[in-house]
Amino acid sequence: MLAEDKTISCTVCETLEAEGERQSHHSEKTIRELLNRMNRIEGQVRGIKGMIERHAYCDDVLNQIASAQSALYGVSKLLLEKHMKSCVKDQLQSGDEQVVDEVLNTIFKMLR
């Protein structure tokens, strides 16, 4: 098992990078945290679908939808933080200032 602060590196990532496809390099701990959150959200969405199938009261369904949206927002915030502290920082240090426009566009989309 990888140490908590060690980044993931594999031949697939190296191959994709060589082909020009960008990859993140988050720690195993970060990946686990993001996946755990997404698994919980997936369960929430399945639960909402089941509520609709069972003709649950609309207000109850809407509250569950709001909860799932909030959970997705939390994942977005966590990923944005990690992105800024690793990917964006690394790109700026290597002289790639276009990353600022890229991340601003992403933030503007998140705020819609």
N, C-alpha and C. Protein backbone atom coordinates (compact mmCIF):
# COMPACT_ATOMS: atom_id res chain seq x y z
N MET A 1 0.83 -1.18 0.00
CA MET A 1 0.00 0.00 0.00
C MET A 1 0.88 1.25 0.00
N LEU A 2 0.43 2.29 -0.70
CA LEU A 2 1.19 3.52 -0.80
C LEU A 2 1.10 4.32 0.49
N ALA A 3 2.14 5.06 0.80
CA ALA A 3 2.11 5.96 1.95
C ALA A 3 1.09 7.06 1.68
N GLU A 4 0.54 7.64 2.74
CA GLU A 4 -0.51 8.63 2.57
C GLU A 4 -0.09 9.85 1.79
N ASP A 5 1.18 10.23 1.84
CA ASP A 5 1.61 11.43 1.14
C ASP A 5 2.25 11.14 -0.21
N LYS A 6 2.29 9.89 -0.60
CA LYS A 6 2.91 9.53 -1.86
C LYS A 6 1.89 9.68 -2.99
N THR A 7 2.32 10.24 -4.10
CA THR A 7 1.41 10.41 -5.22
C THR A 7 1.35 9.13 -6.03
N ILE A 8 0.25 8.99 -6.75
CA ILE A 8 0.03 7.80 -7.57
C ILE A 8 0.82 7.95 -8.86
N SER A 9 1.54 6.94 -9.22
CA SER A 9 2.28 6.95 -10.47
C SER A 9 2.17 5.55 -11.07
N CYS A 10 1.78 5.51 -12.32
CA CYS A 10 1.67 4.20 -12.96
C CYS A 10 2.01 4.33 -14.44
N THR A 11 2.19 3.21 -15.07
CA THR A 11 2.55 3.23 -16.49
C THR A 11 1.41 3.78 -17.34
N VAL A 12 0.17 3.59 -16.92
CA VAL A 12 -0.97 4.13 -17.68
C VAL A 12 -0.88 5.65 -17.69
N CYS A 13 -0.65 6.25 -16.50
CA CYS A 13 -0.54 7.71 -16.42
C CYS A 13 0.62 8.22 -17.26
N GLU A 14 1.74 7.53 -17.18
CA GLU A 14 2.90 7.95 -17.95
C GLU A 14 2.63 7.86 -19.45
N THR A 15 1.93 6.82 -19.88
CA THR A 15 1.58 6.66 -21.29
C THR A 15 0.63 7.76 -21.73
N LEU A 16 -0.40 8.05 -20.91
CA LEU A 16 -1.35 9.10 -21.26
C LEU A 16 -0.67 10.46 -21.32
N GLU A 17 0.24 10.73 -20.40
CA GLU A 17 0.96 12.00 -20.44
C GLU A 17 1.82 12.10 -21.69
N ALA A 18 2.43 11.01 -22.08
CA ALA A 18 3.25 11.01 -23.29
C ALA A 18 2.39 11.27 -24.53
N GLU A 19 1.13 10.87 -24.47
CA GLU A 19 0.21 11.09 -25.59
C GLU A 19 -0.46 12.46 -25.50
N GLY A 20 -0.13 13.26 -24.50
CA GLY A 20 -0.67 14.60 -24.38
C GLY A 20 -1.90 14.73 -23.51
N GLU A 21 -2.39 13.65 -22.95
CA GLU A 21 -3.56 13.72 -22.07
C GLU A 21 -3.08 14.01 -20.65
N ARG A 22 -3.62 15.06 -20.06
CA ARG A 22 -3.18 15.46 -18.73
C ARG A 22 -3.75 14.55 -17.66
N GLN A 23 -2.99 14.35 -16.60
CA GLN A 23 -3.38 13.51 -15.48
C GLN A 23 -3.12 14.25 -14.19
N SER A 24 -3.94 13.99 -13.18
CA SER A 24 -3.68 14.56 -11.86
C SER A 24 -2.71 13.63 -11.13
N HIS A 25 -2.07 14.17 -10.12
CA HIS A 25 -1.12 13.38 -9.35
C HIS A 25 -1.42 13.57 -7.87
N HIS A 26 -2.63 13.21 -7.48
CA HIS A 26 -3.03 13.36 -6.09
C HIS A 26 -2.57 12.16 -5.28
N SER A 27 -2.46 12.38 -3.99
CA SER A 27 -2.03 11.30 -3.10
C SER A 27 -3.10 10.21 -3.04
N GLU A 28 -2.68 9.05 -2.63
CA GLU A 28 -3.61 7.93 -2.45
C GLU A 28 -4.69 8.30 -1.44
N LYS A 29 -4.31 9.05 -0.41
CA LYS A 29 -5.27 9.48 0.61
C LYS A 29 -6.34 10.36 -0.01
N THR A 30 -5.95 11.30 -0.85
CA THR A 30 -6.91 12.20 -1.51
C THR A 30 -7.83 11.42 -2.43
N ILE A 31 -7.28 10.52 -3.21
CA ILE A 31 -8.09 9.70 -4.12
C ILE A 31 -9.10 8.89 -3.33
N ARG A 32 -8.66 8.28 -2.23
CA ARG A 32 -9.59 7.49 -1.37
C ARG A 32 -10.70 8.37 -0.83
N GLU A 33 -10.35 9.57 -0.37
CA GLU A 33 -11.35 10.47 0.19
C GLU A 33 -12.37 10.88 -0.87
N LEU A 34 -11.89 11.22 -2.06
CA LEU A 34 -12.80 11.60 -3.13
C LEU A 34 -13.71 10.44 -3.53
N LEU A 35 -13.13 9.25 -3.65
CA LEU A 35 -13.93 8.08 -4.03
C LEU A 35 -14.94 7.71 -2.96
N ASN A 36 -14.56 7.82 -1.69
CA ASN A 36 -15.51 7.53 -0.60
C ASN A 36 -16.69 8.49 -0.66
N ARG A 37 -16.40 9.76 -0.86
CA ARG A 37 -17.47 10.74 -0.96
C ARG A 37 -18.37 10.46 -2.16
N MET A 38 -17.76 10.13 -3.30
CA MET A 38 -18.55 9.85 -4.50
C MET A 38 -19.40 8.60 -4.33
N ASN A 39 -18.87 7.60 -3.63
CA ASN A 39 -19.67 6.40 -3.37
C ASN A 39 -20.89 6.72 -2.51
N ARG A 40 -20.71 7.59 -1.51
CA ARG A 40 -21.85 7.99 -0.67
C ARG A 40 -22.88 8.76 -1.50
N ILE A 41 -22.40 9.64 -2.38
CA ILE A 41 -23.30 10.41 -3.23
C ILE A 41 -24.05 9.49 -4.18
N GLU A 42 -23.34 8.51 -4.73
CA GLU A 42 -23.99 7.54 -5.61
C GLU A 42 -25.12 6.83 -4.88
N GLY A 43 -24.88 6.48 -3.63
CA GLY A 43 -25.92 5.85 -2.81
C GLY A 43 -27.09 6.79 -2.57
N GLN A 44 -26.78 8.06 -2.34
CA GLN A 44 -27.84 9.05 -2.15
C GLN A 44 -28.71 9.16 -3.40
N VAL A 45 -28.07 9.20 -4.57
CA VAL A 45 -28.81 9.33 -5.82
C VAL A 45 -29.68 8.10 -6.06
N ARG A 46 -29.14 6.92 -5.77
CA ARG A 46 -29.96 5.70 -5.90
C ARG A 46 -31.15 5.76 -4.94
N GLY A 47 -30.92 6.28 -3.74
CA GLY A 47 -32.01 6.42 -2.78
C GLY A 47 -33.07 7.39 -3.27
N ILE A 48 -32.66 8.47 -3.89
CA ILE A 48 -33.61 9.44 -4.44
C ILE A 48 -34.43 8.79 -5.54
N LYS A 49 -33.76 8.04 -6.40
CA LYS A 49 -34.48 7.34 -7.47
C LYS A 49 -35.53 6.40 -6.88
N GLY A 50 -35.14 5.68 -5.83
CA GLY A 50 -36.08 4.77 -5.18
C GLY A 50 -37.25 5.52 -4.57
N MET A 51 -36.98 6.68 -4.00
CA MET A 51 -38.07 7.49 -3.43
C MET A 51 -39.06 7.89 -4.51
N ILE A 52 -38.54 8.28 -5.66
CA ILE A 52 -39.42 8.68 -6.77
C ILE A 52 -40.24 7.48 -7.24
N GLU A 53 -39.59 6.33 -7.35
CA GLU A 53 -40.30 5.11 -7.77
C GLU A 53 -41.40 4.74 -6.78
N ARG A 54 -41.18 5.01 -5.49
CA ARG A 54 -42.17 4.69 -4.45
C ARG A 54 -43.18 5.81 -4.24
N HIS A 55 -43.11 6.84 -5.08
CA HIS A 55 -44.02 7.99 -4.99
C HIS A 55 -43.91 8.68 -3.64
N ALA A 56 -42.67 8.86 -3.17
CA ALA A 56 -42.46 9.54 -1.90
C ALA A 56 -42.93 10.99 -2.01
N TYR A 57 -43.24 11.56 -0.89
CA TYR A 57 -43.70 12.95 -0.82
C TYR A 57 -42.65 13.86 -1.44
N CYS A 58 -43.10 14.77 -2.29
CA CYS A 58 -42.20 15.65 -3.07
C CYS A 58 -41.20 16.39 -2.20
N ASP A 59 -41.65 16.95 -1.09
CA ASP A 59 -40.78 17.72 -0.22
C ASP A 59 -39.63 16.85 0.31
N ASP A 60 -39.93 15.60 0.63
CA ASP A 60 -38.89 14.69 1.11
C ASP A 60 -37.86 14.41 0.02
N VAL A 61 -38.33 14.23 -1.20
CA VAL A 61 -37.43 13.99 -2.33
C VAL A 61 -36.56 15.22 -2.58
N LEU A 62 -37.19 16.39 -2.57
CA LEU A 62 -36.45 17.63 -2.79
C LEU A 62 -35.38 17.85 -1.73
N ASN A 63 -35.68 17.51 -0.49
CA ASN A 63 -34.67 17.64 0.57
C ASN A 63 -33.49 16.70 0.34
N GLN A 64 -33.76 15.50 -0.14
CA GLN A 64 -32.69 14.56 -0.43
C GLN A 64 -31.86 15.02 -1.63
N ILE A 65 -32.52 15.62 -2.61
CA ILE A 65 -31.79 16.17 -3.76
C ILE A 65 -30.88 17.30 -3.30
N ALA A 66 -31.37 18.17 -2.43
CA ALA A 66 -30.55 19.26 -1.91
C ALA A 66 -29.34 18.72 -1.16
N SER A 67 -29.55 17.63 -0.43
CA SER A 67 -28.45 17.01 0.31
C SER A 67 -27.39 16.45 -0.64
N ALA A 68 -27.83 15.81 -1.72
CA ALA A 68 -26.90 15.26 -2.70
C ALA A 68 -26.14 16.38 -3.42
N GLN A 69 -26.84 17.47 -3.74
CA GLN A 69 -26.18 18.61 -4.37
C GLN A 69 -25.12 19.21 -3.44
N SER A 70 -25.44 19.30 -2.17
CA SER A 70 -24.49 19.81 -1.19
C SER A 70 -23.26 18.91 -1.10
N ALA A 71 -23.49 17.61 -1.13
CA ALA A 71 -22.38 16.66 -1.07
C ALA A 71 -21.49 16.79 -2.30
N LEU A 72 -22.09 16.95 -3.48
CA LEU A 72 -21.31 17.15 -4.71
C LEU A 72 -20.52 18.45 -4.63
N TYR A 73 -21.12 19.48 -4.08
CA TYR A 73 -20.42 20.74 -3.92
C TYR A 73 -19.20 20.56 -3.01
N GLY A 74 -19.36 19.76 -1.96
CA GLY A 74 -18.24 19.48 -1.06
C GLY A 74 -17.10 18.76 -1.78
N VAL A 75 -17.43 17.82 -2.64
CA VAL A 75 -16.41 17.13 -3.43
C VAL A 75 -15.71 18.12 -4.35
N SER A 76 -16.48 19.00 -4.97
CA SER A 76 -15.90 20.02 -5.86
C SER A 76 -14.94 20.91 -5.11
N LYS A 77 -15.32 21.36 -3.91
CA LYS A 77 -14.45 22.23 -3.13
C LYS A 77 -13.16 21.52 -2.76
N LEU A 78 -13.26 20.26 -2.32
CA LEU A 78 -12.07 19.50 -1.96
C LEU A 78 -11.16 19.32 -3.17
N LEU A 79 -11.73 18.95 -4.29
CA LEU A 79 -10.92 18.73 -5.49
C LEU A 79 -10.30 20.05 -5.98
N LEU A 80 -11.04 21.14 -5.90
CA LEU A 80 -10.49 22.43 -6.29
C LEU A 80 -9.31 22.81 -5.39
N GLU A 81 -9.46 22.58 -4.10
CA GLU A 81 -8.36 22.87 -3.18
C GLU A 81 -7.12 22.06 -3.52
N LYS A 82 -7.29 20.77 -3.73
CA LYS A 82 -6.15 19.90 -4.06
C LYS A 82 -5.56 20.30 -5.41
N HIS A 83 -6.42 20.65 -6.36
CA HIS A 83 -5.97 21.08 -7.69
C HIS A 83 -5.11 22.33 -7.59
N MET A 84 -5.57 23.29 -6.80
CA MET A 84 -4.82 24.55 -6.65
C MET A 84 -3.48 24.31 -5.97
N LYS A 85 -3.46 23.43 -4.98
CA LYS A 85 -2.24 23.20 -4.21
C LYS A 85 -1.25 22.27 -4.88
N SER A 86 -1.69 21.56 -5.92
CA SER A 86 -0.76 20.66 -6.59
C SER A 86 -0.65 20.99 -8.08
N CYS A 87 -1.66 20.66 -8.84
CA CYS A 87 -1.60 20.82 -10.29
C CYS A 87 -1.32 22.25 -10.70
N VAL A 88 -2.12 23.20 -10.19
CA VAL A 88 -1.96 24.60 -10.59
C VAL A 88 -0.62 25.13 -10.11
N LYS A 89 -0.27 24.83 -8.88
CA LYS A 89 1.01 25.29 -8.33
C LYS A 89 2.18 24.79 -9.19
N ASP A 90 2.15 23.49 -9.53
CA ASP A 90 3.22 22.91 -10.35
C ASP A 90 3.29 23.56 -11.73
N GLN A 91 2.13 23.81 -12.35
CA GLN A 91 2.13 24.41 -13.67
C GLN A 91 2.65 25.85 -13.63
N LEU A 92 2.28 26.59 -12.59
CA LEU A 92 2.79 27.96 -12.46
C LEU A 92 4.30 27.96 -12.26
N GLN A 93 4.78 27.03 -11.43
CA GLN A 93 6.23 26.95 -11.19
C GLN A 93 7.00 26.58 -12.45
N SER A 94 6.34 25.85 -13.36
CA SER A 94 7.01 25.49 -14.60
C SER A 94 6.84 26.57 -15.67
N GLY A 95 6.17 27.68 -15.31
CA GLY A 95 6.05 28.79 -16.24
C GLY A 95 4.76 28.82 -17.05
N ASP A 96 3.87 27.87 -16.83
CA ASP A 96 2.61 27.82 -17.57
C ASP A 96 1.57 28.69 -16.87
N GLU A 97 1.43 29.92 -17.35
CA GLU A 97 0.49 30.86 -16.73
C GLU A 97 -0.92 30.74 -17.31
N GLN A 98 -1.09 29.96 -18.37
CA GLN A 98 -2.42 29.73 -18.92
C GLN A 98 -3.32 29.00 -17.94
N VAL A 99 -2.71 28.30 -16.98
CA VAL A 99 -3.47 27.54 -16.00
C VAL A 99 -4.36 28.47 -15.17
N VAL A 100 -3.96 29.74 -15.02
CA VAL A 100 -4.78 30.69 -14.26
C VAL A 100 -6.12 30.90 -14.95
N ASP A 101 -6.10 31.13 -16.27
CA ASP A 101 -7.35 31.29 -17.02
C ASP A 101 -8.18 30.02 -16.97
N GLU A 102 -7.52 28.88 -17.07
CA GLU A 102 -8.22 27.60 -17.02
C GLU A 102 -8.96 27.42 -15.69
N VAL A 103 -8.27 27.68 -14.59
CA VAL A 103 -8.89 27.48 -13.28
C VAL A 103 -9.96 28.53 -13.02
N LEU A 104 -9.77 29.74 -13.51
CA LEU A 104 -10.82 30.76 -13.38
C LEU A 104 -12.08 30.35 -14.12
N ASN A 105 -11.94 29.84 -15.34
CA ASN A 105 -13.10 29.35 -16.09
C ASN A 105 -13.81 28.24 -15.34
N THR A 106 -13.04 27.36 -14.74
CA THR A 106 -13.63 26.26 -13.96
C THR A 106 -14.39 26.81 -12.76
N ILE A 107 -13.80 27.74 -12.05
CA ILE A 107 -14.47 28.34 -10.88
C ILE A 107 -15.75 29.04 -11.31
N PHE A 108 -15.70 29.79 -12.41
CA PHE A 108 -16.90 30.48 -12.89
C PHE A 108 -18.00 29.47 -13.22
N LYS A 109 -17.66 28.33 -13.79
CA LYS A 109 -18.66 27.29 -14.08
C LYS A 109 -19.23 26.73 -12.79
N MET A 110 -18.38 26.57 -11.77
CA MET A 110 -18.85 26.05 -10.49
C MET A 110 -19.83 27.02 -9.82
N LEU A 111 -19.67 28.31 -10.07
CA LEU A 111 -20.51 29.32 -9.43
C LEU A 111 -21.85 29.53 -10.12
N ARG A 112 -22.05 28.94 -11.27
CA ARG A 112 -23.34 29.11 -11.99
C ARG A 112 -24.47 28.51 -11.21
